């Protein structure tokens, strides 16, 4: 198993959400604050980067290359980690360069990342070409997977599950945003490996339920091999709710807007428009539908992303 670099602020705290819980008249609510991992506004990718950068160092890399959307939290944290440890960083971003950078993109630039722009359907091709060019130029690149979601990156969230268990704040459910699958794969694996008895529910941000279940199960199984204790997880063991992703990735609806406002105005807690806003909207809807029992405890695992609140595309839609 890879020994991670240690730069995240861990363990992240667990807090109660009493005013929001009272408003919703549902289960007891907790939040785990992975928005406070400490790297350039924090977020869940910081945990993964502790393992990914350790792997990059072991391979003798000097340049990190990854991809994402223009407001990618993953790219922002990768750029920050690269700056901290002396790597170069190139980001392949989908879309057109804006007239004025804001939010995560502004931070990418401030952190010194080189930006390669590509049409949405051409981003993966641009990523491959950028990596190949770096290889041919003998720049010793390391490909950081989309969302940090590889077996190496997912190990971080298996370990995070162990951290949560050691904090002794029992929860019947863990609910969070799921997209590229690495966070959920690690949590699902960690639940089995370290004996978490509750249920792990990913709210899909942009993926169909069946596809995300298959991806998470495959990734969790591969991660278990790296951790030295192979476990064959099946899609049936992965819980995903994809009822809230129909509007599309990064599309802010009245449901995300309400969730962001409720968390802010009742708990002073900021969510982002893309990931935690959508997951929280799903959580709120499930509470209102009576999905959770009132005597249960539900933990919302906050994966970060707040800089996206300041992106130009959302300023007219919030608050």
Protein backbone atom coordinates (compact mmCIF):
# COMPACT_ATOMS: atom_id res chain seq x y z
CA UNK A 1 0.00 0.00 0.00
CA UNK A 2 1.24 3.49 -0.88
CA UNK A 3 2.29 5.67 2.04
CA UNK A 4 0.54 8.99 1.44
CA UNK A 5 2.09 12.42 1.67
CA UNK A 6 0.62 14.19 4.67
CA UNK A 7 -0.72 17.64 3.91
CA UNK A 8 -4.50 17.46 4.38
CA UNK A 9 -5.92 18.84 7.62
CA UNK A 10 -7.19 15.60 9.14
CA UNK A 11 -9.30 14.36 10.74
CA UNK A 12 -11.97 16.67 9.42
CA UNK A 13 -14.57 17.59 12.06
CA UNK A 14 -18.07 16.22 12.38
CA UNK A 15 -20.73 18.75 13.34
CA UNK A 16 -24.42 18.59 14.15
CA UNK A 17 -27.04 20.36 12.01
CA UNK A 18 -29.76 20.91 14.63
CA UNK A 19 -31.58 23.88 13.09
CA UNK A 20 -31.81 22.32 9.65
CA UNK A 21 -32.86 19.00 11.15
CA UNK A 22 -35.60 20.71 13.14
CA UNK A 23 -36.83 22.59 10.08
CA UNK A 24 -37.08 19.39 8.04
CA UNK A 25 -38.62 17.43 10.92
CA UNK A 26 -36.71 14.34 9.91
CA UNK A 27 -33.76 12.32 11.17
CA UNK A 28 -30.87 13.69 13.22
CA UNK A 29 -28.42 15.36 10.84
CA UNK A 30 -24.62 15.48 10.99
CA UNK A 31 -22.05 16.82 8.54
CA UNK A 32 -18.44 15.73 7.99
CA UNK A 33 -16.46 18.73 6.88
CA UNK A 34 -14.21 17.59 4.05
CA UNK A 35 -14.54 21.13 2.76
CA UNK A 36 -11.95 21.85 5.48
CA UNK A 37 -9.11 19.64 4.26
CA UNK A 38 -6.98 22.75 3.98
CA UNK A 39 -5.54 22.82 0.46
CA UNK A 40 -6.54 25.96 -1.48
CA UNK A 41 -10.08 26.05 0.00
CA UNK A 42 -10.07 22.28 0.59
CA UNK A 43 -12.39 19.57 -0.66
CA UNK A 44 -12.48 15.82 -1.07
CA UNK A 45 -9.79 15.70 -3.76
CA UNK A 46 -7.14 16.74 -1.24
CA UNK A 47 -7.37 13.35 0.45
CA UNK A 48 -6.92 11.60 -2.89
CA UNK A 49 -3.99 13.81 -3.84
CA UNK A 50 -2.09 12.71 -0.73
CA UNK A 51 -1.91 9.26 -2.31
CA UNK A 52 -1.64 10.35 -5.94
CA UNK A 53 1.28 12.70 -5.33
CA UNK A 54 3.06 10.03 -3.32
CA UNK A 55 2.69 7.74 -6.34
CA UNK A 56 3.90 10.49 -8.68
CA UNK A 57 6.98 11.09 -6.54
CA UNK A 58 7.72 7.38 -6.42
CA UNK A 59 7.61 7.30 -10.23
CA UNK A 60 9.98 10.27 -10.50
CA UNK A 61 7.41 12.53 -12.14
CA UNK A 62 7.88 16.27 -12.40
CA UNK A 63 4.65 17.34 -14.12
CA UNK A 64 1.04 16.64 -13.10
CA UNK A 65 -1.52 16.52 -15.91
CA UNK A 66 -5.25 16.21 -15.37
CA UNK A 67 -8.60 17.28 -16.81
CA UNK A 68 -11.94 18.66 -15.75
CA UNK A 69 -14.61 21.27 -16.35
CA UNK A 70 -13.76 24.96 -16.38
CA UNK A 71 -14.84 25.21 -12.73
CA UNK A 72 -13.30 21.91 -11.65
CA UNK A 73 -12.63 21.60 -7.92
CA UNK A 74 -10.37 18.66 -8.69
CA UNK A 75 -8.22 20.73 -11.03
CA UNK A 76 -7.95 23.56 -8.49
CA UNK A 77 -6.73 21.20 -5.76
CA UNK A 78 -4.36 19.43 -8.16
CA UNK A 79 -2.84 22.77 -9.14
CA UNK A 80 -2.42 23.67 -5.47
CA UNK A 81 -0.80 20.34 -4.61
CA UNK A 82 1.55 20.71 -7.57
CA UNK A 83 2.59 24.17 -6.41
CA UNK A 84 3.17 22.98 -2.86
CA UNK A 85 5.41 20.08 -3.84
CA UNK A 86 7.25 21.63 -6.78
CA UNK A 87 5.54 19.85 -9.67
CA UNK A 88 4.54 21.53 -12.88
CA UNK A 89 0.82 21.35 -13.63
CA UNK A 90 -1.15 21.28 -16.87
CA UNK A 91 -4.95 21.22 -16.90
CA UNK A 92 -7.08 20.19 -19.89
CA UNK A 93 -10.35 22.06 -19.39
CA UNK A 94 -13.57 21.64 -21.35
CA UNK A 95 -15.08 24.74 -22.92
CA UNK A 96 -14.02 28.15 -24.13
CA UNK A 97 -11.76 30.46 -22.15
CA UNK A 98 -13.93 33.16 -20.53
CA UNK A 99 -13.29 36.84 -21.00
CA UNK A 100 -12.51 37.07 -17.30
CA UNK A 101 -11.46 34.18 -15.08
CA UNK A 102 -13.36 33.70 -11.84
CA UNK A 103 -13.70 31.24 -8.96
CA UNK A 104 -11.84 27.94 -9.51
CA UNK A 105 -10.40 29.00 -12.85
CA UNK A 106 -8.97 32.17 -11.34
CA UNK A 107 -7.37 30.05 -8.62
CA UNK A 108 -5.93 27.63 -11.22
CA UNK A 109 -4.17 30.56 -12.85
CA UNK A 110 -3.02 32.04 -9.55
CA UNK A 111 -1.54 28.67 -8.60
CA UNK A 112 0.52 28.65 -11.79
CA UNK A 113 -1.22 25.92 -13.78
CA UNK A 114 -0.93 25.86 -17.57
CA UNK A 115 -4.39 25.67 -19.15
CA UNK A 116 -5.21 23.75 -22.34
CA UNK A 117 -8.73 24.44 -23.61
CA UNK A 118 -10.75 21.90 -25.58
CA UNK A 119 -14.32 21.57 -26.82
CA UNK A 120 -16.39 19.47 -24.36
CA UNK A 121 -16.31 16.39 -26.56
CA UNK A 122 -12.58 16.80 -27.24
CA UNK A 123 -11.30 17.15 -23.67
CA UNK A 124 -10.12 13.54 -23.30
CA UNK A 125 -8.32 13.71 -26.64
CA UNK A 126 -6.65 16.95 -25.57
CA UNK A 127 -5.61 15.31 -22.31
CA UNK A 128 -4.01 12.37 -24.13
CA UNK A 129 -2.21 14.64 -26.58
CA UNK A 130 -0.94 16.87 -23.79
CA UNK A 131 0.37 13.85 -21.90
CA UNK A 132 2.04 12.39 -24.98
CA UNK A 133 3.68 15.72 -25.83
CA UNK A 134 5.06 15.95 -22.31
CA UNK A 135 6.40 12.41 -22.55
CA UNK A 136 8.10 13.07 -25.88
CA UNK A 137 9.57 16.25 -24.41
CA UNK A 138 11.03 14.23 -21.53
CA UNK A 139 9.08 16.22 -18.92
CA UNK A 140 8.25 13.09 -16.91
CA UNK A 141 4.48 13.60 -16.64
CA UNK A 142 2.12 11.88 -14.24
CA UNK A 143 -1.50 11.50 -15.32
CA UNK A 144 -3.83 12.35 -12.45
CA UNK A 145 -7.13 10.62 -13.32
CA UNK A 146 -10.34 12.60 -13.74
CA UNK A 147 -11.64 13.39 -10.26
CA UNK A 148 -8.67 11.56 -8.75
CA UNK A 149 -10.79 8.44 -9.22
CA UNK A 150 -8.31 5.61 -9.64
CA UNK A 151 -7.49 2.78 -7.24
CA UNK A 152 -4.65 4.92 -5.88
CA UNK A 153 -6.94 7.89 -5.28
CA UNK A 154 -9.82 5.83 -3.93
CA UNK A 155 -7.62 4.41 -1.18
CA UNK A 156 -7.89 7.80 0.49
CA UNK A 157 -11.59 7.36 1.12
CA UNK A 158 -11.24 3.82 2.41
CA UNK A 159 -8.87 5.34 4.99
CA UNK A 160 -11.33 8.21 5.49
CA UNK A 161 -14.01 5.71 6.46
CA UNK A 162 -11.66 4.36 9.12
CA UNK A 163 -11.12 7.94 10.30
CA UNK A 164 -14.88 8.46 10.56
CA UNK A 165 -15.37 5.26 12.56
CA UNK A 166 -12.62 6.29 14.98
CA UNK A 167 -14.40 9.61 15.57
CA UNK A 168 -17.16 7.65 17.29
CA UNK A 169 -20.11 9.60 15.86
CA UNK A 170 -22.38 6.74 14.77
CA UNK A 171 -24.60 7.32 11.74
CA UNK A 172 -27.12 5.04 10.09
CA UNK A 173 -26.56 6.67 6.71
CA UNK A 174 -23.72 8.48 4.96
CA UNK A 175 -24.94 10.65 2.06
CA UNK A 176 -22.72 12.57 -0.38
CA UNK A 177 -22.26 13.68 -3.97
CA UNK A 178 -21.01 10.99 -6.37
CA UNK A 179 -19.77 11.50 -9.91
CA UNK A 180 -16.43 10.06 -11.03
CA UNK A 181 -16.87 7.40 -8.35
CA UNK A 182 -13.60 7.49 -6.42
CA UNK A 183 -15.00 8.89 -3.20
CA UNK A 184 -17.86 6.41 -3.17
CA UNK A 185 -15.61 3.48 -4.09
CA UNK A 186 -13.32 4.26 -1.19
CA UNK A 187 -16.18 4.67 1.28
CA UNK A 188 -17.89 1.45 0.16
CA UNK A 189 -14.61 -0.46 0.43
CA UNK A 190 -13.78 1.15 3.76
CA UNK A 191 -17.21 0.24 5.11
CA UNK A 192 -16.54 -3.43 4.41
CA UNK A 193 -12.91 -3.36 5.46
CA UNK A 194 -13.36 -1.49 8.74
CA UNK A 195 -16.83 -2.65 9.78
CA UNK A 196 -19.14 0.31 9.23
CA UNK A 197 -22.65 -1.03 9.84
CA UNK A 198 -24.66 1.79 8.26
CA UNK A 199 -25.44 2.48 4.62
CA UNK A 200 -23.43 4.51 2.12
CA UNK A 201 -25.62 6.41 -0.35
CA UNK A 202 -24.17 8.35 -3.27
CA UNK A 203 -26.37 11.03 -4.83
CA UNK A 204 -25.40 11.03 -8.48
CA UNK A 205 -24.49 14.43 -9.86
CA UNK A 206 -24.42 13.42 -13.52
CA UNK A 207 -24.32 9.63 -14.04
CA UNK A 208 -27.11 7.04 -14.54
CA UNK A 209 -27.61 4.77 -11.55
CA UNK A 210 -26.58 1.49 -13.18
CA UNK A 211 -23.45 2.92 -14.81
CA UNK A 212 -22.29 4.54 -11.57
CA UNK A 213 -22.90 1.35 -9.57
CA UNK A 214 -20.80 -0.67 -12.00
CA UNK A 215 -17.99 1.90 -11.97
CA UNK A 216 -17.92 2.16 -8.19
CA UNK A 217 -17.94 -1.61 -7.66
CA UNK A 218 -15.14 -2.14 -10.18
CA UNK A 219 -13.05 0.66 -8.71
CA UNK A 220 -13.61 -0.48 -5.12
CA UNK A 221 -12.57 -4.02 -6.01
CA UNK A 222 -9.39 -2.80 -7.73
CA UNK A 223 -8.60 -0.56 -4.77
CA UNK A 224 -8.91 -3.48 -2.36
CA UNK A 225 -6.14 -5.26 -4.27
CA UNK A 226 -3.81 -2.29 -3.83
CA UNK A 227 -4.60 -2.29 -0.12
CA UNK A 228 -3.49 -5.93 0.13
CA UNK A 229 -6.83 -7.52 0.97
CA UNK A 230 -8.81 -8.28 -2.22
CA UNK A 231 -12.57 -7.94 -1.94
CA UNK A 232 -14.86 -8.57 -4.92
CA UNK A 233 -17.61 -5.96 -4.65
CA UNK A 234 -20.66 -6.15 -6.90
CA UNK A 235 -22.89 -3.37 -8.25
CA UNK A 236 -25.71 -4.71 -6.06
CA UNK A 237 -23.64 -3.73 -3.00
CA UNK A 238 -23.42 -0.10 -4.13
CA UNK A 239 -26.24 2.32 -3.31
CA UNK A 240 -26.83 5.17 -5.77
CA UNK A 241 -29.73 7.57 -6.20
CA UNK A 242 -29.75 9.19 -9.63
CA UNK A 243 -33.13 10.91 -9.35
CA UNK A 244 -31.65 14.40 -9.24
CA UNK A 245 -29.14 14.50 -12.11
CA UNK A 246 -31.54 14.83 -15.07
CA UNK A 247 -31.00 18.60 -15.52
CA UNK A 248 -27.35 17.93 -16.40
CA UNK A 249 -23.93 18.60 -14.97
CA UNK A 250 -23.49 22.04 -13.47
CA UNK A 251 -27.09 23.12 -14.14
CA UNK A 252 -28.47 25.02 -11.17
CA UNK A 253 -32.18 24.39 -10.57
CA UNK A 254 -34.58 25.61 -7.90
CA UNK A 255 -33.79 22.47 -5.90
CA UNK A 256 -30.03 23.12 -5.66
CA UNK A 257 -30.75 26.78 -5.00
CA UNK A 258 -33.08 25.92 -2.12
CA UNK A 259 -30.57 23.48 -0.62
CA UNK A 260 -27.76 26.04 -0.77
CA UNK A 261 -29.97 28.66 0.85
CA UNK A 262 -31.23 26.36 3.62
CA UNK A 263 -27.75 25.16 4.60
CA UNK A 264 -26.48 28.75 4.58
CA UNK A 265 -29.37 30.38 6.43
CA UNK A 266 -29.99 27.68 9.02
CA UNK A 267 -26.46 26.41 9.67
CA UNK A 268 -24.07 29.01 8.25
CA UNK A 269 -22.69 26.26 6.01
CA UNK A 270 -21.81 26.91 2.38
CA UNK A 271 -22.41 24.39 -0.40
CA UNK A 272 -21.45 24.58 -4.06
CA UNK A 273 -23.82 24.73 -7.07
CA UNK A 274 -22.60 21.57 -8.79
CA UNK A 275 -21.83 18.78 -6.31
CA UNK A 276 -22.78 19.40 -2.69
CA UNK A 277 -25.73 21.57 -3.69
CA UNK A 278 -27.19 18.75 -5.77
CA UNK A 279 -26.45 16.09 -3.16
CA UNK A 280 -28.01 18.24 -0.43
CA UNK A 281 -31.07 18.84 -2.60
CA UNK A 282 -31.43 15.07 -2.91
CA UNK A 283 -30.97 14.63 0.82
CA UNK A 284 -33.64 17.23 1.60
CA UNK A 285 -36.08 15.68 -0.86
CA UNK A 286 -35.53 12.20 0.59
CA UNK A 287 -36.14 13.52 4.11
CA UNK A 288 -39.38 15.17 3.01
CA UNK A 289 -40.50 11.91 1.37
CA UNK A 290 -39.88 9.97 4.58
CA UNK A 291 -37.09 7.86 3.09
CA UNK A 292 -35.13 8.02 6.37
CA UNK A 293 -36.65 7.04 9.70
CA UNK A 294 -36.97 9.86 12.21
CA UNK A 295 -35.02 7.90 14.80
CA UNK A 296 -32.07 7.47 12.41
CA UNK A 297 -28.94 9.60 12.14
CA UNK A 298 -27.88 10.77 8.69
CA UNK A 299 -24.39 12.14 8.03
CA UNK A 300 -23.89 14.43 5.04
CA UNK A 301 -20.27 14.10 3.89
CA UNK A 302 -19.43 17.60 2.63
CA UNK A 303 -17.00 17.19 -0.29
CA UNK A 304 -16.26 20.90 -0.72
CA UNK A 305 -16.42 23.00 -3.86
CA UNK A 306 -17.47 26.39 -2.46
CA UNK A 307 -15.25 28.49 -4.80
CA UNK A 308 -17.73 27.65 -7.59
CA UNK A 309 -20.24 29.90 -5.80
CA UNK A 310 -18.22 32.83 -7.16
CA UNK A 311 -18.21 31.69 -10.78
CA UNK A 312 -19.70 34.24 -13.15
CA UNK A 313 -22.25 31.76 -14.51
CA UNK A 314 -23.89 31.40 -11.07
CA UNK A 315 -23.75 34.96 -9.80
CA UNK A 316 -27.07 35.92 -11.37
CA UNK A 317 -28.76 32.79 -9.99
CA UNK A 318 -27.64 33.01 -6.35
CA UNK A 319 -28.87 33.74 -3.77
